[in-house]
Structures are given as structure tokens and as C-alpha cells.
Amino acid sequence: SRRTVSDWSTPSRRHLHRGYYLPTNKGSSLGEVAIAIDTSCSVTKEQFQHMIAEINRIMVKLKPEKLLIIHCDDAIAKVTTYKPRDFPIKETTMYGRGYTEFKPVFDYLEKEKIKPTCLIYFTDMWGDFDFPKPRYPVLWINTDYPNNQKPTFGKVIGLNI
């Protein structure tokens, strides 16, 4: 869900003649987006580079206020926060390389009290989905498409890398 971004430094001229000092509407913002990257040993360096390229394409279109990238294999390996001025992202190192667990990402967001507008999870889908559905929307990007792994919640998009 987008929210309106207001700029109080530049008053809206539509209301000044009536004596109202109101902010200029600067459009809308997506807020904070979380992106999880499966960095387990089943993900290749080439797949990782394609994921980063796809993330950059997505972020240019969505323009979130803040982007959280979470590297996760069987545990959180690295978390980086980006602002729009940091795009394009130039991540080159994969952190992790263990087996795949999805739950640590959801546990991390809950523990840190982060309520993203959405979570986009790049993964080959080979893992356990047996945990509760979060309160925010989840989009799974299946990098091993087509395979038959199905999550218990969220939507899936196939990305053949």
C-alpha cells in the first residue's frame, strides 16, 4: 500500500490565497520494502547476480523510502538497509552458503518490529514453509522455475535464471 508523501518546506499554492499553509503533495511512496535473498549452497553466484539485477529493476520502479536486503541460508547472514540515493545496489558477495530455512527472515522482521509494506523473497523454493503467515504480503520469486515447491502463503512468480 502506498502512502502520500508531503513536503512542508514548499507550501501548496492552491490554498495560500485562502490563508492556509498546507504541504505540497509530492506523490506517493511505497514505504519500507524487505527483500530476502536465499544464499544457501544451492544458489549459484550467477543466480545471485541475476537476483541483484532484478532487485535493481524492481526498486527503480517501486521507489521505496527504504529497502532492507536480508541474506539468509539457515540463519540471517547479513542485513543491509538502502535508501533511494543508494540505487543501483552493487552487492557482489553472498553471505551464508548453508542449507535453506525461510523462517529466520520472518522471525528477524518480527523481532526487530519491522513491518514492511511487503516482503519479496528470492529463492529456489527448496525449503520448509511450515510456519505462520505474516501480516504483510509476501511475494516469492522462484529462481528454480518450474519446480513443484509451493509455499503455504503468499504469491509466487517464476523467474527462470
N, C-alpha and C. Protein backbone atom coordinates (compact mmCIF):
# COMPACT_ATOMS: atom_id res chain seq x y z
N SER A 1 0.83 -1.18 0.00
CA SER A 1 0.00 0.00 0.00
C SER A 1 0.87 1.24 0.00
N ARG A 2 0.57 2.14 -0.89
CA ARG A 2 1.34 3.38 -0.99
C ARG A 2 0.79 4.41 -0.02
N ARG A 3 1.63 5.32 0.39
CA ARG A 3 1.15 6.42 1.20
C ARG A 3 1.62 7.73 0.59
N THR A 4 0.85 8.79 0.83
CA THR A 4 1.16 10.09 0.26
C THR A 4 2.34 10.71 1.00
N VAL A 5 3.25 11.30 0.23
CA VAL A 5 4.40 11.99 0.80
C VAL A 5 4.16 13.47 0.67
N SER A 6 4.26 14.17 1.80
CA SER A 6 4.01 15.62 1.83
C SER A 6 5.31 16.37 2.05
N ASP A 7 5.40 17.57 1.44
CA ASP A 7 6.57 18.43 1.59
C ASP A 7 6.11 19.73 2.23
N TRP A 8 6.47 19.93 3.51
CA TRP A 8 6.06 21.13 4.24
C TRP A 8 6.95 22.33 3.92
N SER A 9 8.13 22.11 3.31
CA SER A 9 9.03 23.23 3.02
C SER A 9 8.53 24.08 1.85
N THR A 10 7.71 23.50 1.01
CA THR A 10 7.12 24.23 -0.12
C THR A 10 5.61 24.18 0.04
N PRO A 11 4.99 25.33 0.38
CA PRO A 11 3.54 25.30 0.58
C PRO A 11 2.78 25.09 -0.73
N SER A 12 1.62 24.49 -0.60
CA SER A 12 0.75 24.30 -1.75
C SER A 12 0.16 25.65 -2.16
N ARG A 13 0.37 26.04 -3.41
CA ARG A 13 -0.16 27.33 -3.88
C ARG A 13 -1.68 27.31 -4.04
N ARG A 14 -2.25 26.12 -4.11
CA ARG A 14 -3.70 26.02 -4.29
C ARG A 14 -4.46 26.54 -3.10
N HIS A 15 -3.83 26.63 -1.92
CA HIS A 15 -4.54 27.01 -0.72
C HIS A 15 -4.03 28.31 -0.08
N LEU A 16 -2.92 28.88 -0.59
CA LEU A 16 -2.35 30.08 0.01
C LEU A 16 -3.30 31.27 -0.05
N HIS A 17 -4.04 31.43 -1.13
CA HIS A 17 -4.94 32.58 -1.28
C HIS A 17 -6.04 32.58 -0.22
N ARG A 18 -6.32 31.42 0.37
CA ARG A 18 -7.34 31.32 1.42
C ARG A 18 -6.71 31.42 2.81
N GLY A 19 -5.38 31.63 2.85
CA GLY A 19 -4.71 31.77 4.13
C GLY A 19 -4.29 30.46 4.77
N TYR A 20 -4.36 29.37 4.00
CA TYR A 20 -3.97 28.05 4.53
C TYR A 20 -2.55 27.71 4.07
N TYR A 21 -1.72 27.36 5.01
CA TYR A 21 -0.37 26.91 4.72
C TYR A 21 -0.38 25.39 4.80
N LEU A 22 -0.53 24.74 3.63
CA LEU A 22 -0.61 23.29 3.56
C LEU A 22 0.56 22.75 2.73
N PRO A 23 0.95 21.51 2.98
CA PRO A 23 2.11 20.97 2.26
C PRO A 23 1.80 20.66 0.80
N THR A 24 2.87 20.64 0.02
CA THR A 24 2.77 20.20 -1.36
C THR A 24 2.73 18.67 -1.37
N ASN A 25 1.86 18.13 -2.20
CA ASN A 25 1.80 16.67 -2.35
C ASN A 25 2.90 16.26 -3.31
N LYS A 26 3.84 15.47 -2.82
CA LYS A 26 4.98 15.04 -3.63
C LYS A 26 4.73 13.69 -4.29
N GLY A 27 3.50 13.21 -4.27
CA GLY A 27 3.20 11.91 -4.87
C GLY A 27 3.05 10.86 -3.79
N SER A 28 3.36 9.63 -4.13
CA SER A 28 3.21 8.55 -3.17
C SER A 28 4.51 7.78 -3.02
N SER A 29 4.62 7.10 -1.90
CA SER A 29 5.81 6.31 -1.61
C SER A 29 5.38 4.92 -1.17
N LEU A 30 6.21 3.96 -1.45
CA LEU A 30 5.91 2.59 -1.08
C LEU A 30 6.28 2.29 0.37
N GLY A 31 7.00 3.17 1.04
CA GLY A 31 7.41 2.91 2.41
C GLY A 31 8.62 2.00 2.45
N GLU A 32 8.65 1.07 3.40
CA GLU A 32 9.78 0.18 3.57
C GLU A 32 9.48 -1.18 2.94
N VAL A 33 10.39 -1.62 2.08
CA VAL A 33 10.27 -2.92 1.42
C VAL A 33 11.40 -3.81 1.94
N ALA A 34 11.06 -5.04 2.28
CA ALA A 34 12.07 -6.02 2.69
C ALA A 34 12.26 -7.01 1.55
N ILE A 35 13.52 -7.30 1.25
CA ILE A 35 13.84 -8.32 0.24
C ILE A 35 14.76 -9.33 0.89
N ALA A 36 14.36 -10.59 0.82
CA ALA A 36 15.20 -11.67 1.32
C ALA A 36 15.83 -12.39 0.13
N ILE A 37 17.10 -12.72 0.29
CA ILE A 37 17.82 -13.44 -0.75
C ILE A 37 18.27 -14.76 -0.16
N ASP A 38 17.86 -15.85 -0.79
CA ASP A 38 18.30 -17.19 -0.41
C ASP A 38 19.77 -17.31 -0.79
N THR A 39 20.64 -17.42 0.21
CA THR A 39 22.08 -17.54 -0.05
C THR A 39 22.58 -18.93 0.35
N SER A 40 21.71 -19.93 0.26
CA SER A 40 22.09 -21.30 0.59
C SER A 40 23.03 -21.84 -0.49
N CYS A 41 23.62 -22.99 -0.22
CA CYS A 41 24.60 -23.57 -1.15
C CYS A 41 23.98 -24.00 -2.48
N SER A 42 22.65 -24.10 -2.56
CA SER A 42 22.02 -24.49 -3.83
C SER A 42 21.88 -23.31 -4.80
N VAL A 43 22.17 -22.09 -4.32
CA VAL A 43 22.07 -20.90 -5.17
C VAL A 43 23.47 -20.58 -5.71
N THR A 44 23.59 -20.44 -7.03
CA THR A 44 24.89 -20.17 -7.64
C THR A 44 25.21 -18.67 -7.61
N LYS A 45 26.46 -18.36 -7.82
CA LYS A 45 26.91 -16.96 -7.90
C LYS A 45 26.19 -16.24 -9.05
N GLU A 46 26.01 -16.95 -10.16
CA GLU A 46 25.31 -16.36 -11.32
C GLU A 46 23.85 -16.05 -10.98
N GLN A 47 23.18 -16.97 -10.27
CA GLN A 47 21.81 -16.72 -9.84
C GLN A 47 21.75 -15.51 -8.91
N PHE A 48 22.72 -15.43 -8.00
CA PHE A 48 22.78 -14.29 -7.07
C PHE A 48 22.91 -12.98 -7.85
N GLN A 49 23.78 -12.94 -8.85
CA GLN A 49 23.96 -11.72 -9.65
C GLN A 49 22.68 -11.36 -10.40
N HIS A 50 21.95 -12.37 -10.90
CA HIS A 50 20.66 -12.12 -11.56
C HIS A 50 19.64 -11.57 -10.55
N MET A 51 19.67 -12.10 -9.32
CA MET A 51 18.76 -11.60 -8.28
C MET A 51 19.02 -10.12 -8.01
N ILE A 52 20.27 -9.74 -7.87
CA ILE A 52 20.62 -8.33 -7.60
C ILE A 52 20.17 -7.46 -8.77
N ALA A 53 20.38 -7.91 -10.00
CA ALA A 53 19.93 -7.14 -11.17
C ALA A 53 18.42 -6.97 -11.16
N GLU A 54 17.70 -8.04 -10.82
CA GLU A 54 16.24 -7.98 -10.76
C GLU A 54 15.78 -7.04 -9.63
N ILE A 55 16.46 -7.10 -8.50
CA ILE A 55 16.13 -6.19 -7.39
C ILE A 55 16.29 -4.74 -7.83
N ASN A 56 17.36 -4.44 -8.55
CA ASN A 56 17.56 -3.08 -9.04
C ASN A 56 16.45 -2.66 -10.00
N ARG A 57 16.01 -3.57 -10.87
CA ARG A 57 14.90 -3.24 -11.78
C ARG A 57 13.62 -2.96 -11.00
N ILE A 58 13.36 -3.78 -9.99
CA ILE A 58 12.16 -3.61 -9.17
C ILE A 58 12.21 -2.28 -8.42
N MET A 59 13.34 -1.98 -7.81
CA MET A 59 13.45 -0.78 -6.97
C MET A 59 13.35 0.52 -7.76
N VAL A 60 13.85 0.51 -8.99
CA VAL A 60 13.73 1.69 -9.84
C VAL A 60 12.26 2.00 -10.10
N LYS A 61 11.45 0.94 -10.24
CA LYS A 61 10.01 1.14 -10.50
C LYS A 61 9.23 1.45 -9.23
N LEU A 62 9.54 0.76 -8.12
CA LEU A 62 8.77 0.93 -6.89
C LEU A 62 9.17 2.15 -6.07
N LYS A 63 10.43 2.51 -6.11
CA LYS A 63 10.97 3.66 -5.38
C LYS A 63 10.56 3.66 -3.90
N PRO A 64 10.93 2.64 -3.15
CA PRO A 64 10.57 2.64 -1.73
C PRO A 64 11.38 3.67 -0.96
N GLU A 65 10.84 4.12 0.18
CA GLU A 65 11.58 5.04 1.04
C GLU A 65 12.81 4.36 1.62
N LYS A 66 12.67 3.07 1.90
CA LYS A 66 13.76 2.31 2.49
C LYS A 66 13.67 0.88 1.98
N LEU A 67 14.83 0.28 1.73
CA LEU A 67 14.91 -1.10 1.28
C LEU A 67 15.81 -1.86 2.23
N LEU A 68 15.32 -2.97 2.71
CA LEU A 68 16.08 -3.84 3.60
C LEU A 68 16.40 -5.11 2.82
N ILE A 69 17.69 -5.42 2.64
CA ILE A 69 18.07 -6.67 1.98
C ILE A 69 18.62 -7.61 3.04
N ILE A 70 18.02 -8.80 3.09
CA ILE A 70 18.38 -9.80 4.09
C ILE A 70 18.94 -11.03 3.39
N HIS A 71 20.22 -11.33 3.66
CA HIS A 71 20.84 -12.56 3.16
C HIS A 71 20.53 -13.65 4.17
N CYS A 72 19.98 -14.77 3.72
CA CYS A 72 19.62 -15.84 4.64
C CYS A 72 19.82 -17.20 4.00
N ASP A 73 20.46 -18.09 4.73
CA ASP A 73 20.50 -19.51 4.35
C ASP A 73 19.70 -20.24 5.43
N ASP A 74 20.35 -20.85 6.41
CA ASP A 74 19.62 -21.43 7.54
C ASP A 74 19.56 -20.45 8.71
N ALA A 75 20.18 -19.28 8.54
CA ALA A 75 20.15 -18.21 9.54
C ALA A 75 20.38 -16.89 8.81
N ILE A 76 20.09 -15.79 9.47
CA ILE A 76 20.36 -14.48 8.89
C ILE A 76 21.88 -14.31 8.81
N ALA A 77 22.39 -14.04 7.61
CA ALA A 77 23.83 -13.90 7.42
C ALA A 77 24.25 -12.43 7.34
N LYS A 78 23.36 -11.58 6.79
CA LYS A 78 23.68 -10.16 6.65
C LYS A 78 22.39 -9.40 6.38
N VAL A 79 22.29 -8.19 6.94
CA VAL A 79 21.16 -7.31 6.68
C VAL A 79 21.73 -5.94 6.32
N THR A 80 21.27 -5.39 5.20
CA THR A 80 21.73 -4.08 4.76
C THR A 80 20.51 -3.22 4.46
N THR A 81 20.57 -1.96 4.88
CA THR A 81 19.50 -1.00 4.62
C THR A 81 19.96 -0.04 3.53
N TYR A 82 19.08 0.20 2.57
CA TYR A 82 19.36 1.11 1.47
C TYR A 82 18.29 2.19 1.42
N LYS A 83 18.70 3.37 0.99
CA LYS A 83 17.79 4.48 0.70
C LYS A 83 17.79 4.67 -0.82
N PRO A 84 16.81 5.40 -1.37
CA PRO A 84 16.77 5.58 -2.83
C PRO A 84 18.07 6.12 -3.43
N ARG A 85 18.78 6.95 -2.70
CA ARG A 85 20.04 7.51 -3.22
C ARG A 85 21.11 6.43 -3.41
N ASP A 86 20.93 5.26 -2.79
CA ASP A 86 21.90 4.17 -2.86
C ASP A 86 21.71 3.27 -4.09
N PHE A 87 20.61 3.47 -4.86
CA PHE A 87 20.35 2.63 -6.02
C PHE A 87 21.22 3.11 -7.18
N PRO A 88 21.70 2.26 -8.03
CA PRO A 88 21.52 0.82 -8.02
C PRO A 88 22.41 0.16 -6.95
N ILE A 89 21.93 -0.95 -6.46
CA ILE A 89 22.64 -1.72 -5.44
C ILE A 89 23.78 -2.47 -6.12
N LYS A 90 24.90 -2.51 -5.44
CA LYS A 90 26.07 -3.17 -6.03
C LYS A 90 26.56 -4.31 -5.14
N GLU A 91 25.64 -5.13 -4.65
CA GLU A 91 26.03 -6.27 -3.82
C GLU A 91 26.73 -7.31 -4.69
N THR A 92 27.88 -7.78 -4.26
CA THR A 92 28.62 -8.77 -5.04
C THR A 92 28.95 -10.02 -4.24
N THR A 93 28.82 -9.96 -2.92
CA THR A 93 29.19 -11.08 -2.07
C THR A 93 27.95 -11.74 -1.49
N MET A 94 27.92 -13.06 -1.59
CA MET A 94 26.85 -13.84 -0.98
C MET A 94 27.29 -14.21 0.43
N TYR A 95 26.43 -13.97 1.40
CA TYR A 95 26.73 -14.31 2.78
C TYR A 95 25.86 -15.49 3.18
N GLY A 96 26.47 -16.53 3.70
CA GLY A 96 25.71 -17.71 4.08
C GLY A 96 26.35 -18.95 3.53
N ARG A 97 25.65 -19.66 2.65
CA ARG A 97 26.09 -20.86 1.95
C ARG A 97 25.76 -22.14 2.70
N GLY A 98 24.87 -22.09 3.70
CA GLY A 98 24.42 -23.29 4.40
C GLY A 98 23.21 -23.89 3.70
N TYR A 99 22.32 -24.51 4.47
CA TYR A 99 21.09 -25.07 3.89
C TYR A 99 19.99 -24.00 3.96
N THR A 100 18.84 -24.27 3.37
CA THR A 100 17.77 -23.27 3.25
C THR A 100 16.76 -23.38 4.39
N GLU A 101 16.53 -22.25 5.04
CA GLU A 101 15.44 -22.07 6.01
C GLU A 101 14.81 -20.72 5.72
N PHE A 102 13.51 -20.66 5.58
CA PHE A 102 12.82 -19.40 5.32
C PHE A 102 12.44 -18.66 6.60
N LYS A 103 12.13 -19.40 7.64
CA LYS A 103 11.60 -18.82 8.87
C LYS A 103 12.49 -17.76 9.52
N PRO A 104 13.83 -17.86 9.48
CA PRO A 104 14.65 -16.84 10.13
C PRO A 104 14.37 -15.41 9.63
N VAL A 105 14.03 -15.26 8.36
CA VAL A 105 13.72 -13.91 7.84
C VAL A 105 12.47 -13.36 8.52
N PHE A 106 11.44 -14.16 8.62
CA PHE A 106 10.19 -13.72 9.24
C PHE A 106 10.40 -13.47 10.74
N ASP A 107 11.18 -14.33 11.38
CA ASP A 107 11.50 -14.14 12.80
C ASP A 107 12.27 -12.85 13.02
N TYR A 108 13.23 -12.56 12.13
CA TYR A 108 14.03 -11.33 12.24
C TYR A 108 13.14 -10.09 12.13
N LEU A 109 12.26 -10.05 11.13
CA LEU A 109 11.39 -8.89 10.95
C LEU A 109 10.50 -8.69 12.18
N GLU A 110 10.00 -9.79 12.73
CA GLU A 110 9.15 -9.68 13.92
C GLU A 110 9.95 -9.23 15.14
N LYS A 111 11.11 -9.82 15.34
CA LYS A 111 11.96 -9.49 16.50
C LYS A 111 12.38 -8.01 16.47
N GLU A 112 12.69 -7.51 15.28
CA GLU A 112 13.13 -6.12 15.12
C GLU A 112 11.95 -5.15 15.00
N LYS A 113 10.72 -5.69 15.09
CA LYS A 113 9.50 -4.89 14.97
C LYS A 113 9.43 -4.12 13.65
N ILE A 114 9.88 -4.76 12.60
CA ILE A 114 9.84 -4.19 11.25
C ILE A 114 8.56 -4.68 10.59
N LYS A 115 7.75 -3.72 10.14
CA LYS A 115 6.50 -4.05 9.45
C LYS A 115 6.61 -3.53 8.03
N PRO A 116 7.21 -4.33 7.14
CA PRO A 116 7.40 -3.84 5.77
C PRO A 116 6.09 -3.74 5.01
N THR A 117 6.09 -2.89 4.00
CA THR A 117 4.94 -2.83 3.10
C THR A 117 4.74 -4.19 2.46
N CYS A 118 5.85 -4.85 2.14
CA CYS A 118 5.81 -6.21 1.60
C CYS A 118 7.19 -6.84 1.76
N LEU A 119 7.22 -8.16 1.64
CA LEU A 119 8.48 -8.91 1.61
C LEU A 119 8.55 -9.61 0.27
N ILE A 120 9.65 -9.43 -0.42
CA ILE A 120 9.92 -10.13 -1.67
C ILE A 120 11.06 -11.10 -1.37
N TYR A 121 10.80 -12.39 -1.58
CA TYR A 121 11.77 -13.42 -1.21
C TYR A 121 12.28 -14.12 -2.46
N PHE A 122 13.56 -13.91 -2.81
CA PHE A 122 14.20 -14.56 -3.94
C PHE A 122 14.77 -15.89 -3.47
N THR A 123 14.29 -17.00 -4.02
CA THR A 123 14.72 -18.32 -3.57
C THR A 123 14.47 -19.37 -4.64
N ASP A 124 15.19 -20.50 -4.51
CA ASP A 124 14.92 -21.62 -5.41
C ASP A 124 13.77 -22.47 -4.87
N MET A 125 13.15 -22.04 -3.76
CA MET A 125 11.94 -22.63 -3.18
C MET A 125 12.17 -23.96 -2.49
N TRP A 126 13.41 -24.43 -2.35
CA TRP A 126 13.65 -25.70 -1.70
C TRP A 126 13.87 -25.48 -0.22
N GLY A 127 12.79 -25.52 0.54
CA GLY A 127 12.86 -25.31 1.98
C GLY A 127 11.52 -25.60 2.63
N ASP A 128 11.45 -25.41 3.94
CA ASP A 128 10.26 -25.70 4.73
C ASP A 128 9.41 -24.45 4.89
N PHE A 129 8.15 -24.55 4.51
CA PHE A 129 7.21 -23.43 4.61
C PHE A 129 6.27 -23.58 5.80
N ASP A 130 6.59 -24.43 6.75
CA ASP A 130 5.70 -24.74 7.86
C ASP A 130 5.87 -23.75 9.01
N PHE A 131 5.35 -22.54 8.83
CA PHE A 131 5.35 -21.52 9.87
C PHE A 131 4.22 -20.55 9.57
N PRO A 132 3.81 -19.73 10.56
CA PRO A 132 2.64 -18.88 10.38
C PRO A 132 2.81 -17.80 9.31
N LYS A 133 1.70 -17.49 8.68
CA LYS A 133 1.64 -16.42 7.68
C LYS A 133 1.83 -15.07 8.38
N PRO A 134 2.69 -14.19 7.84
CA PRO A 134 2.87 -12.87 8.45
C PRO A 134 1.71 -11.94 8.12
N ARG A 135 1.71 -10.76 8.72
CA ARG A 135 0.63 -9.78 8.50
C ARG A 135 0.87 -8.90 7.28
N TYR A 136 1.97 -9.04 6.62
CA TYR A 136 2.29 -8.26 5.44
C TYR A 136 2.31 -9.20 4.23
N PRO A 137 2.11 -8.66 3.03
CA PRO A 137 2.11 -9.52 1.83
C PRO A 137 3.51 -10.05 1.52
N VAL A 138 3.55 -11.27 1.00
CA VAL A 138 4.81 -11.90 0.64
C VAL A 138 4.74 -12.33 -0.83
N LEU A 139 5.78 -11.97 -1.57
CA LEU A 139 5.91 -12.39 -2.96
C LEU A 139 7.16 -13.26 -3.04
N TRP A 140 6.97 -14.50 -3.42
CA TRP A 140 8.08 -15.44 -3.58
C TRP A 140 8.52 -15.39 -5.04
N ILE A 141 9.80 -15.13 -5.28
CA ILE A 141 10.35 -15.16 -6.63
C ILE A 141 11.09 -16.49 -6.76
N ASN A 142 10.50 -17.41 -7.51
CA ASN A 142 11.04 -18.76 -7.67
C ASN A 142 12.13 -18.74 -8.74
N THR A 143 13.39 -18.83 -8.30
CA THR A 143 14.51 -18.78 -9.23
C THR A 143 14.84 -20.14 -9.83
N ASP A 144 14.12 -21.16 -9.43
CA ASP A 144 14.31 -22.51 -9.97
C ASP A 144 13.02 -22.94 -10.69
N TYR A 145 12.42 -22.00 -11.38
CA TYR A 145 11.14 -22.23 -12.04
C TYR A 145 11.35 -23.07 -13.29
N PRO A 146 10.54 -24.04 -13.63
CA PRO A 146 9.43 -24.51 -12.82
C PRO A 146 9.84 -25.67 -11.93
N ASN A 147 9.59 -25.54 -10.66
CA ASN A 147 9.67 -26.69 -9.76
C ASN A 147 8.35 -26.75 -9.02
N ASN A 148 8.10 -27.80 -8.30
CA ASN A 148 6.79 -28.01 -7.70
C ASN A 148 6.66 -27.54 -6.26
N GLN A 149 7.66 -26.88 -5.75
CA GLN A 149 7.57 -26.39 -4.38
C GLN A 149 6.54 -25.27 -4.28
N LYS A 150 5.62 -25.38 -3.34
CA LYS A 150 4.56 -24.39 -3.16
C LYS A 150 4.55 -23.89 -1.73
N PRO A 151 4.62 -22.58 -1.52
CA PRO A 151 4.53 -22.05 -0.16
C PRO A 151 3.10 -22.15 0.36
N THR A 152 2.93 -22.07 1.67
CA THR A 152 1.60 -22.13 2.28
C THR A 152 0.91 -20.77 2.30
N PHE A 153 1.62 -19.72 1.93
CA PHE A 153 1.04 -18.37 1.86
C PHE A 153 1.83 -17.54 0.84
N GLY A 154 1.26 -16.42 0.45
CA GLY A 154 1.91 -15.52 -0.47
C GLY A 154 1.67 -15.90 -1.92
N LYS A 155 2.19 -15.09 -2.81
CA LYS A 155 2.09 -15.35 -4.25
C LYS A 155 3.46 -15.73 -4.76
N VAL A 156 3.48 -16.50 -5.85
CA VAL A 156 4.74 -16.97 -6.44
C VAL A 156 4.84 -16.48 -7.87
N ILE A 157 6.02 -15.98 -8.21
CA ILE A 157 6.34 -15.62 -9.58
C ILE A 157 7.56 -16.45 -9.98
N GLY A 158 7.51 -17.07 -11.14
CA GLY A 158 8.64 -17.84 -11.62
C GLY A 158 9.62 -16.95 -12.36
N LEU A 159 10.89 -17.09 -12.03
CA LEU A 159 11.95 -16.34 -12.69
C LEU A 159 13.01 -17.36 -13.08
N ASN A 160 13.06 -17.71 -14.35
CA ASN A 160 13.96 -18.75 -14.79
C ASN A 160 15.35 -18.16 -14.99
N ILE A 161 16.24 -18.46 -14.04
CA ILE A 161 17.62 -17.94 -14.10
C ILE A 161 18.55 -19.05 -14.48
